[in-house]
Protein backbone atom coordinates (compact mmCIF):
# COMPACT_ATOMS: atom_id res chain seq x y z
CA MET A 1 108.95 90.60 111.00
CA GLY A 2 110.42 94.01 110.43
CA LYS A 3 108.76 96.95 108.75
CA LYS A 4 108.78 97.61 105.04
CA ILE A 5 109.91 101.04 103.86
CA PHE A 6 109.26 101.94 100.23
CA VAL A 7 111.52 104.64 98.79
CA THR A 8 110.13 106.59 95.85
CA GLY A 9 110.88 109.92 94.21
CA ILE A 10 108.94 112.78 92.69
CA SER A 11 110.82 112.16 89.42
CA THR A 12 113.98 110.48 88.16
CA GLU A 13 117.47 111.47 89.33
CA VAL A 14 116.32 113.08 92.57
CA GLY A 15 118.54 111.07 94.94
CA LYS A 16 116.32 108.07 95.57
CA THR A 17 119.08 105.46 95.53
CA VAL A 18 121.30 107.42 97.91
CA VAL A 19 118.35 107.86 100.30
CA ALA A 20 117.66 104.11 100.05
CA ALA A 21 121.30 103.47 100.97
CA ILE A 22 121.13 105.80 103.97
CA ILE A 23 117.95 104.15 105.28
CA THR A 24 119.38 100.67 104.71
CA GLU A 25 122.57 101.60 106.55
CA ALA A 26 120.75 103.36 109.40
CA LEU A 27 118.50 100.37 110.13
CA HIS A 28 120.90 97.61 109.01
CA ALA A 29 117.92 96.63 106.89
CA ASP A 30 117.73 94.36 103.88
CA TYR A 31 117.41 95.94 100.43
CA TRP A 32 115.29 95.03 97.43
CA LYS A 33 114.73 96.70 94.08
CA PRO A 34 111.78 94.86 92.50
CA VAL A 35 112.30 96.13 88.94
CA GLN A 36 115.63 97.16 87.48
CA ALA A 37 115.52 98.65 83.99
CA GLY A 38 118.92 99.03 82.34
CA ASP A 39 122.46 99.29 83.77
CA LEU A 40 122.41 95.63 84.77
CA ASP A 41 126.20 95.63 85.29
CA ASN A 42 125.99 98.73 87.49
CA SER A 43 122.46 98.50 88.87
CA ASP A 44 121.03 100.27 91.89
CA THR A 45 121.70 97.08 93.88
CA HIS A 46 125.37 97.25 92.85
CA ARG A 47 125.46 100.91 93.91
CA LEU A 48 123.93 100.08 97.30
CA LYS A 49 126.54 97.38 97.89
CA ARG A 50 129.27 99.99 97.41
CA LEU A 51 127.59 102.47 99.77
CA ILE A 52 126.69 100.13 102.65
CA SER A 53 129.28 99.39 105.35
CA ASN A 54 127.33 97.23 107.82
CA ALA A 55 127.72 93.46 107.54
CA GLU A 56 124.07 92.56 108.20
CA THR A 57 122.28 93.86 105.09
CA VAL A 58 121.15 91.23 102.61
CA PHE A 59 120.68 92.40 99.00
CA HIS A 60 117.77 90.53 97.46
CA GLU A 61 117.46 89.67 93.77
CA ASN A 62 115.32 91.84 91.49
CA ALA A 63 112.01 90.32 90.46
CA TYR A 64 112.65 91.69 86.96
CA LYS A 65 115.96 92.63 85.31
CA LEU A 66 115.30 94.54 82.10
CA LYS A 67 118.02 95.41 79.63
CA THR A 68 116.95 98.87 78.44
CA PRO A 69 117.18 102.04 80.61
CA MET A 70 113.64 103.33 80.13
CA SER A 71 110.16 103.01 81.65
CA PRO A 72 109.75 99.39 82.84
CA HIS A 73 106.74 98.71 80.61
CA GLY A 74 108.73 99.75 77.53
CA ALA A 75 111.89 97.94 78.61
CA ALA A 76 109.85 94.79 79.23
CA GLU A 77 108.27 95.03 75.78
CA ILE A 78 111.74 95.23 74.19
CA ASP A 79 112.73 92.11 76.16
CA GLY A 80 109.59 90.33 74.96
CA ILE A 81 107.99 89.96 78.37
CA THR A 82 105.11 91.45 80.36
CA ILE A 83 105.64 92.44 83.98
CA ASP A 84 103.21 90.52 86.19
CA LEU A 85 102.49 91.98 89.65
CA GLU A 86 101.74 88.51 91.00
CA LYS A 87 105.38 87.60 90.37
CA ILE A 88 106.67 90.57 92.38
CA ASN A 89 106.62 89.40 96.00
CA PRO A 90 108.73 90.91 98.78
CA PRO A 91 111.49 88.58 99.95
CA GLU A 92 111.03 86.96 103.34
CA THR A 93 113.19 88.48 106.04
CA ASP A 94 112.98 89.07 109.78
CA LYS A 95 114.73 92.41 109.37
CA ASP A 96 113.40 95.73 108.11
CA LEU A 97 113.22 95.79 104.32
CA VAL A 98 113.97 98.85 102.18
CA ILE A 99 112.21 98.63 98.82
CA GLU A 100 113.28 101.01 96.06
CA GLY A 101 110.89 101.94 93.28
CA ALA A 102 111.74 102.98 89.73
CA GLY A 103 111.23 106.65 88.83
CA GLY A 104 108.03 108.16 90.23
CA LEU A 105 104.82 106.62 91.51
CA LEU A 106 102.92 106.47 88.22
CA VAL A 107 105.71 104.99 86.12
CA PRO A 108 104.01 102.15 84.19
CA LEU A 109 104.93 98.53 84.78
CA ASN A 110 102.52 97.21 82.16
CA ASP A 111 99.29 98.35 80.51
CA LYS A 112 97.41 98.69 83.80
CA ASP A 113 99.81 98.72 86.77
CA THR A 114 102.25 101.40 87.94
CA ILE A 115 104.92 101.62 90.65
CA ILE A 116 102.35 102.72 93.23
CA ASP A 117 100.64 99.33 92.85
CA LEU A 118 103.70 97.76 94.50
CA ILE A 119 103.04 99.73 97.70
CA LYS A 120 100.79 98.09 100.30
CA PRO A 121 98.83 100.29 102.74
CA GLU A 122 100.84 99.00 105.71
CA TYR A 123 104.17 100.11 104.21
CA SER A 124 105.96 103.24 105.30
CA VAL A 125 106.79 105.44 102.31
CA ILE A 126 109.67 107.88 102.04
CA LEU A 127 109.26 110.35 99.20
CA VAL A 128 112.45 112.00 97.93
CA SER A 129 111.88 115.56 96.74
CA ARG A 130 114.48 117.69 94.98
CA HIS A 131 113.99 121.36 94.09
CA TYR A 132 113.41 122.21 90.42
CA LEU A 133 110.76 124.20 88.60
CA GLY A 134 107.63 122.08 89.02
CA SER A 135 108.85 120.15 92.05
CA ILE A 136 106.14 121.54 94.36
CA ASN A 137 103.45 120.22 92.03
CA HIS A 138 105.19 116.85 91.65
CA THR A 139 105.67 116.49 95.41
CA LEU A 140 102.08 117.38 96.32
CA LEU A 141 100.68 115.16 93.55
CA SER A 142 102.79 112.26 94.82
CA VAL A 143 101.61 112.74 98.40
CA GLU A 144 97.99 112.97 97.27
CA ALA A 145 98.32 109.79 95.19
CA LEU A 146 99.71 107.92 98.19
CA LYS A 147 96.99 109.17 100.52
CA ASN A 148 94.32 108.22 97.97
CA ARG A 149 95.63 104.64 98.14
CA GLY A 150 95.16 104.58 101.90
CA ILE A 151 98.86 104.92 102.69
CA LYS A 152 99.14 106.89 105.91
CA ASN A 153 102.77 106.63 107.00
CA ILE A 154 104.48 109.05 104.60
CA GLY A 155 107.66 111.05 105.13
CA ILE A 156 109.58 113.42 102.87
CA ILE A 157 113.34 113.76 102.56
CA PHE A 158 114.59 116.75 100.60
CA SER A 159 117.66 116.25 98.43
CA GLY A 160 119.95 119.12 97.46
CA ASN A 161 120.38 122.74 98.48
CA GLU A 162 117.74 124.27 100.75
CA HIS A 163 114.93 126.26 99.14
CA LYS A 164 112.88 127.68 102.00
CA THR A 165 109.80 128.90 100.11
CA THR A 166 109.43 125.62 98.24
CA GLU A 167 109.95 123.46 101.30
CA GLY A 168 107.78 125.66 103.48
CA ILE A 169 104.73 125.38 101.23
CA ILE A 170 105.23 121.64 100.76
CA LYS A 171 105.30 121.20 104.55
CA LYS A 172 102.12 123.25 104.99
CA MET A 173 100.14 121.67 102.19
CA ALA A 174 101.33 118.05 102.20
CA LYS A 175 100.76 117.62 105.95
CA VAL A 176 103.24 114.75 106.22
CA GLU A 177 106.41 114.43 108.26
CA ILE A 178 109.52 116.13 106.91
CA LEU A 179 112.34 113.80 107.90
CA GLY A 180 115.23 116.05 106.85
CA ARG A 181 117.53 116.72 103.92
CA LEU A 182 120.57 115.54 102.07
CA ASP A 183 122.87 118.44 101.31
CA GLU A 184 124.41 118.95 97.86
CA GLU A 185 127.43 116.79 98.66
CA PRO A 186 130.39 116.63 96.26
CA TYR A 187 130.11 112.83 96.39
CA PHE A 188 128.51 109.99 98.35
CA ASP A 189 130.63 107.10 99.58
CA GLU A 190 130.44 104.66 102.51
CA MET A 191 131.57 107.27 105.04
CA VAL A 192 129.15 110.00 103.89
CA VAL A 193 126.27 107.52 103.83
CA LYS A 194 127.18 106.35 107.34
CA GLU A 195 127.21 109.95 108.62
CA TYR A 196 123.72 110.54 107.25
CA ALA A 197 122.57 107.16 108.56
CA ASP A 198 123.63 108.17 112.08
CA LYS A 199 121.81 111.49 111.65
CA PHE A 200 118.55 109.94 110.40
CA ARG A 201 118.50 106.76 112.52
CA LYS A 202 116.20 107.90 115.32
CA LYS A 203 113.52 109.28 112.98
CA LEU A 204 113.71 106.17 110.82
CA CYS A 205 113.37 103.87 113.82
CA ASP A 206 110.23 105.79 114.84
CA LEU A 207 108.56 105.36 111.41
């Protein structure tokens, strides 16, 4: 059995799906997005398929496909269903599995469960942090929430232009591994993802 790597972000639109693609490509891992809310014709799984160039990755079906692009609990309510954690089980695979969350860690799935409830203590977690006003707070809160759940193997990938004072204080206070950064690229395609995959592979293999 391979390892399970859960990719989450400090907020929405921070580069989580691109990071998931890079990790998947670097490890030739399988990919799974448990809950997809909205964009069902151009979902994160569809995006990954366009960004991955290796022939080994298997893209597993979402546990829930919700029609409305909003918080999963709200999208599920519109669809007339309730998300049940017992029905969200990782697919069986002998390879490493990259699991992509939805939004941040405390995004609600139903009236009592949030995205963080999908993360088991034995998982490795990669937190994607992008600089904006408030991002230090959101990053440190996310790390603290993970540690409070007993999750020990946490790494941060920064996305976007470097901001030394922000990143420096996060490194000092979060006390988790900083795996690296994605630069503010004009676009991400198969070739760019492969370049980053080659760059990150050793650190990802050591997770």
